[in-house]
């Protein structure tokens, strides 16, 4: 059974605040942050983009965070959210001439 959006967001916030600094970040938490905010975002975008290009329409909505500008004790989370921001902006620039991301 798939979790609801509310459950996913609650889950993300639950593990974000478990650690205090990058020096004690556990591998499992680090991997989860990368999978949620970097890998899954990139792979899902790559999966849908060919269909969007073929149809010459579409949009990808990514959820960023103001923390991408840096928050103490959330260094890795902030860095992954900065990735979300930069990937979104670069996809918009790259595909705007194909009728998408206006």
N, C-alpha and C. Protein backbone atom coordinates (compact mmCIF):
# COMPACT_ATOMS: atom_id res chain seq x y z
N UNK A 1 0.84 -1.18 0.00
CA UNK A 1 0.00 0.00 0.00
C UNK A 1 0.89 1.25 0.00
N UNK A 2 0.58 2.19 -0.84
CA UNK A 2 1.36 3.42 -0.94
C UNK A 2 0.96 4.41 0.15
N UNK A 3 1.95 5.08 0.73
CA UNK A 3 1.62 6.09 1.74
C UNK A 3 1.01 7.33 1.10
N UNK A 4 0.25 8.07 1.86
CA UNK A 4 -0.33 9.31 1.38
C UNK A 4 0.75 10.39 1.40
N UNK A 5 0.47 11.51 0.73
CA UNK A 5 1.41 12.64 0.75
C UNK A 5 1.68 13.10 2.18
N UNK A 6 0.65 13.16 2.97
CA UNK A 6 0.79 13.60 4.35
C UNK A 6 1.72 12.67 5.13
N UNK A 7 1.58 11.36 4.91
CA UNK A 7 2.43 10.39 5.59
C UNK A 7 3.88 10.52 5.13
N UNK A 8 4.08 10.73 3.82
CA UNK A 8 5.44 10.88 3.30
C UNK A 8 6.13 12.10 3.90
N UNK A 9 5.42 13.22 3.91
CA UNK A 9 6.00 14.45 4.44
C UNK A 9 6.30 14.29 5.93
N UNK A 10 5.39 13.68 6.67
CA UNK A 10 5.61 13.45 8.10
C UNK A 10 6.83 12.55 8.31
N UNK A 11 6.96 11.54 7.47
CA UNK A 11 8.09 10.62 7.56
C UNK A 11 9.41 11.35 7.31
N UNK A 12 9.44 12.19 6.30
CA UNK A 12 10.65 12.94 5.97
C UNK A 12 11.05 13.83 7.15
N UNK A 13 10.10 14.57 7.69
CA UNK A 13 10.41 15.45 8.81
C UNK A 13 10.84 14.67 10.05
N UNK A 14 10.33 13.47 10.21
CA UNK A 14 10.70 12.66 11.37
C UNK A 14 12.18 12.34 11.37
N UNK A 15 12.73 11.93 10.22
CA UNK A 15 14.14 11.55 10.26
C UNK A 15 15.08 12.72 10.02
N UNK A 16 14.60 13.82 9.49
CA UNK A 16 15.47 14.99 9.29
C UNK A 16 16.00 15.50 10.62
N UNK A 17 15.16 15.56 11.61
CA UNK A 17 15.54 16.19 12.87
C UNK A 17 16.15 15.22 13.88
N UNK A 18 16.45 14.00 13.48
CA UNK A 18 17.06 13.04 14.38
C UNK A 18 18.54 13.29 14.62
N UNK A 19 19.19 13.95 13.73
CA UNK A 19 20.62 14.17 13.89
C UNK A 19 20.90 15.64 14.15
N UNK A 20 22.11 15.91 14.60
CA UNK A 20 22.43 17.28 14.95
C UNK A 20 23.49 17.91 14.06
N UNK A 21 24.46 17.15 13.59
CA UNK A 21 25.47 17.73 12.71
C UNK A 21 25.99 16.68 11.74
N UNK A 22 26.60 17.13 10.69
CA UNK A 22 27.06 16.23 9.64
C UNK A 22 28.10 15.24 10.16
N UNK A 23 28.85 15.60 11.18
CA UNK A 23 29.90 14.71 11.70
C UNK A 23 29.36 13.46 12.36
N UNK A 24 28.09 13.46 12.78
CA UNK A 24 27.52 12.25 13.39
C UNK A 24 26.39 11.65 12.56
N UNK A 25 26.27 12.11 11.34
CA UNK A 25 25.22 11.60 10.45
C UNK A 25 25.48 10.14 10.12
N UNK A 26 24.51 9.31 10.29
CA UNK A 26 24.65 7.88 10.02
C UNK A 26 24.50 7.63 8.52
N UNK A 27 25.16 6.58 8.05
CA UNK A 27 25.09 6.23 6.63
C UNK A 27 23.65 6.03 6.17
N UNK A 28 22.84 5.38 7.00
CA UNK A 28 21.45 5.10 6.62
C UNK A 28 20.67 6.41 6.41
N UNK A 29 20.84 7.36 7.28
CA UNK A 29 20.14 8.64 7.15
C UNK A 29 20.65 9.40 5.93
N UNK A 30 21.96 9.40 5.76
CA UNK A 30 22.57 10.05 4.59
C UNK A 30 22.02 9.44 3.30
N UNK A 31 21.98 8.12 3.22
CA UNK A 31 21.45 7.45 2.04
C UNK A 31 19.98 7.75 1.81
N UNK A 32 19.21 7.82 2.88
CA UNK A 32 17.78 8.13 2.73
C UNK A 32 17.59 9.53 2.18
N UNK A 33 18.36 10.48 2.68
CA UNK A 33 18.25 11.85 2.17
C UNK A 33 18.60 11.91 0.69
N UNK A 34 19.66 11.22 0.30
CA UNK A 34 20.04 11.20 -1.11
C UNK A 34 18.98 10.52 -1.97
N UNK A 35 18.44 9.43 -1.50
CA UNK A 35 17.43 8.72 -2.29
C UNK A 35 16.14 9.52 -2.43
N UNK A 36 15.70 10.15 -1.36
CA UNK A 36 14.45 10.92 -1.41
C UNK A 36 14.61 12.18 -2.24
N UNK A 37 15.68 12.93 -2.02
CA UNK A 37 15.79 14.27 -2.61
C UNK A 37 16.66 14.36 -3.86
N UNK A 38 17.45 13.35 -4.16
CA UNK A 38 18.34 13.42 -5.33
C UNK A 38 18.02 12.31 -6.32
N UNK A 39 18.24 11.06 -5.92
CA UNK A 39 18.11 9.96 -6.87
C UNK A 39 16.70 9.80 -7.42
N UNK A 40 15.69 9.74 -6.53
CA UNK A 40 14.32 9.53 -7.00
C UNK A 40 13.86 10.67 -7.89
N UNK A 41 14.21 11.89 -7.52
CA UNK A 41 13.84 13.06 -8.32
C UNK A 41 14.46 12.98 -9.72
N UNK A 42 15.72 12.64 -9.79
CA UNK A 42 16.42 12.56 -11.07
C UNK A 42 15.86 11.43 -11.93
N UNK A 43 15.70 10.25 -11.34
CA UNK A 43 15.20 9.11 -12.11
C UNK A 43 13.77 9.32 -12.59
N UNK A 44 12.91 9.88 -11.74
CA UNK A 44 11.52 10.13 -12.15
C UNK A 44 11.46 11.17 -13.27
N UNK A 45 12.29 12.19 -13.17
CA UNK A 45 12.33 13.21 -14.23
C UNK A 45 12.79 12.57 -15.54
N UNK A 46 13.84 11.75 -15.47
CA UNK A 46 14.36 11.08 -16.66
C UNK A 46 13.34 10.13 -17.27
N UNK A 47 12.51 9.51 -16.45
CA UNK A 47 11.50 8.60 -16.96
C UNK A 47 10.39 9.32 -17.70
N UNK A 48 9.98 10.47 -17.21
CA UNK A 48 8.82 11.16 -17.80
C UNK A 48 9.18 12.12 -18.92
N UNK A 49 10.40 12.63 -18.93
CA UNK A 49 10.78 13.63 -19.93
C UNK A 49 10.61 13.18 -21.38
N UNK A 50 10.97 11.96 -21.77
CA UNK A 50 10.76 11.56 -23.16
C UNK A 50 9.30 11.65 -23.60
N UNK A 51 8.38 11.28 -22.72
CA UNK A 51 6.95 11.37 -23.05
C UNK A 51 6.51 12.83 -23.17
N UNK A 52 7.04 13.68 -22.31
CA UNK A 52 6.70 15.10 -22.36
C UNK A 52 7.23 15.73 -23.64
N UNK A 53 8.44 15.36 -24.04
CA UNK A 53 9.03 15.90 -25.27
C UNK A 53 8.20 15.45 -26.46
N UNK A 54 7.80 14.18 -26.47
CA UNK A 54 7.00 13.65 -27.57
C UNK A 54 5.66 14.39 -27.70
N UNK A 55 5.03 14.67 -26.57
CA UNK A 55 3.74 15.37 -26.58
C UNK A 55 3.89 16.88 -26.66
N UNK A 56 5.13 17.37 -26.47
CA UNK A 56 5.44 18.79 -26.48
C UNK A 56 4.65 19.57 -25.43
N UNK A 57 4.41 18.93 -24.31
CA UNK A 57 3.74 19.61 -23.20
C UNK A 57 3.99 18.84 -21.92
N UNK A 58 3.75 19.50 -20.83
CA UNK A 58 3.89 18.86 -19.54
C UNK A 58 4.62 19.74 -18.55
N UNK A 59 4.64 19.31 -17.33
CA UNK A 59 5.33 20.03 -16.27
C UNK A 59 5.74 19.05 -15.20
N UNK A 60 6.82 19.35 -14.56
CA UNK A 60 7.29 18.57 -13.42
C UNK A 60 7.26 19.50 -12.22
N UNK A 61 6.59 19.08 -11.16
CA UNK A 61 6.50 19.89 -9.96
C UNK A 61 7.35 19.24 -8.88
N UNK A 62 8.38 19.94 -8.46
CA UNK A 62 9.28 19.45 -7.41
C UNK A 62 9.05 20.25 -6.14
N UNK A 63 9.22 19.59 -5.00
CA UNK A 63 9.05 20.26 -3.72
C UNK A 63 10.43 20.60 -3.16
N UNK A 64 10.72 21.88 -3.10
CA UNK A 64 12.00 22.34 -2.57
C UNK A 64 11.85 22.73 -1.12
N UNK A 65 12.80 23.52 -0.66
CA UNK A 65 12.78 23.96 0.72
C UNK A 65 13.63 25.21 0.86
N UNK A 66 13.19 26.11 1.70
CA UNK A 66 14.01 27.30 1.97
C UNK A 66 15.33 26.93 2.61
N UNK A 67 15.41 25.72 3.15
CA UNK A 67 16.66 25.30 3.78
C UNK A 67 17.78 25.11 2.77
N UNK A 68 17.46 25.14 1.48
CA UNK A 68 18.53 24.97 0.48
C UNK A 68 19.52 26.14 0.54
N UNK A 69 19.16 27.18 1.24
CA UNK A 69 20.06 28.32 1.40
C UNK A 69 20.92 28.18 2.66
N UNK A 70 20.79 27.06 3.32
CA UNK A 70 21.65 26.76 4.46
C UNK A 70 21.02 26.98 5.81
N UNK A 71 20.96 25.92 6.57
CA UNK A 71 20.49 25.98 7.95
C UNK A 71 21.45 25.17 8.80
N UNK A 72 21.88 25.70 9.91
CA UNK A 72 22.76 24.93 10.80
C UNK A 72 22.11 23.61 11.20
N UNK A 73 22.90 22.60 11.27
CA UNK A 73 22.50 21.26 11.69
C UNK A 73 21.67 20.51 10.66
N UNK A 74 21.44 21.10 9.52
CA UNK A 74 20.73 20.43 8.43
C UNK A 74 21.55 20.49 7.15
N UNK A 75 22.85 20.37 7.28
CA UNK A 75 23.75 20.57 6.15
C UNK A 75 23.45 19.65 4.98
N UNK A 76 23.36 18.36 5.22
CA UNK A 76 23.14 17.41 4.12
C UNK A 76 21.73 17.57 3.55
N UNK A 77 20.74 17.71 4.41
CA UNK A 77 19.37 17.95 3.94
C UNK A 77 19.33 19.21 3.09
N UNK A 78 19.96 20.28 3.56
CA UNK A 78 19.98 21.53 2.81
C UNK A 78 20.66 21.36 1.45
N UNK A 79 21.74 20.60 1.42
CA UNK A 79 22.45 20.37 0.16
C UNK A 79 21.58 19.59 -0.82
N UNK A 80 20.82 18.60 -0.32
CA UNK A 80 19.96 17.85 -1.24
C UNK A 80 18.81 18.71 -1.75
N UNK A 81 18.32 19.63 -0.93
CA UNK A 81 17.26 20.53 -1.39
C UNK A 81 17.81 21.57 -2.36
N UNK A 82 19.06 21.95 -2.22
CA UNK A 82 19.69 22.82 -3.21
C UNK A 82 19.75 22.09 -4.55
N UNK A 83 20.01 20.79 -4.52
CA UNK A 83 20.01 19.98 -5.74
C UNK A 83 18.64 20.03 -6.41
N UNK A 84 17.58 19.91 -5.62
CA UNK A 84 16.21 19.99 -6.16
C UNK A 84 16.03 21.32 -6.89
N UNK A 85 16.44 22.40 -6.26
CA UNK A 85 16.31 23.75 -6.84
C UNK A 85 17.08 23.87 -8.15
N UNK A 86 18.34 23.46 -8.14
CA UNK A 86 19.19 23.61 -9.33
C UNK A 86 18.72 22.69 -10.45
N UNK A 87 18.39 21.44 -10.13
CA UNK A 87 17.90 20.53 -11.16
C UNK A 87 16.64 21.08 -11.81
N UNK A 88 15.72 21.59 -11.02
CA UNK A 88 14.47 22.14 -11.54
C UNK A 88 14.72 23.31 -12.48
N UNK A 89 15.58 24.23 -12.06
CA UNK A 89 15.89 25.40 -12.89
C UNK A 89 16.59 25.00 -14.19
N UNK A 90 17.52 24.04 -14.10
CA UNK A 90 18.24 23.62 -15.30
C UNK A 90 17.36 22.83 -16.26
N UNK A 91 16.46 22.00 -15.73
CA UNK A 91 15.51 21.31 -16.61
C UNK A 91 14.62 22.32 -17.33
N UNK A 92 14.18 23.33 -16.60
CA UNK A 92 13.35 24.37 -17.22
C UNK A 92 14.10 25.06 -18.35
N UNK A 93 15.35 25.38 -18.13
CA UNK A 93 16.15 26.04 -19.18
C UNK A 93 16.39 25.09 -20.35
N UNK A 94 16.69 23.85 -20.06
CA UNK A 94 17.02 22.88 -21.10
C UNK A 94 15.82 22.52 -21.98
N UNK A 95 14.63 22.46 -21.39
CA UNK A 95 13.47 22.00 -22.12
C UNK A 95 12.47 23.10 -22.47
N UNK A 96 12.76 24.33 -22.17
CA UNK A 96 11.80 25.42 -22.47
C UNK A 96 11.58 25.58 -23.97
N UNK A 97 12.57 25.28 -24.79
CA UNK A 97 12.41 25.41 -26.24
C UNK A 97 11.63 24.22 -26.84
N UNK A 98 11.26 23.28 -26.03
CA UNK A 98 10.48 22.12 -26.49
C UNK A 98 9.02 22.23 -26.06
N UNK A 99 8.61 23.41 -25.64
CA UNK A 99 7.22 23.64 -25.30
C UNK A 99 6.85 23.29 -23.86
N UNK A 100 7.83 23.15 -23.01
CA UNK A 100 7.56 22.78 -21.63
C UNK A 100 8.22 23.76 -20.67
N UNK A 101 7.79 23.73 -19.44
CA UNK A 101 8.41 24.50 -18.35
C UNK A 101 8.40 26.00 -18.59
N UNK A 102 7.29 26.54 -18.99
CA UNK A 102 7.20 27.99 -19.18
C UNK A 102 6.94 28.67 -17.88
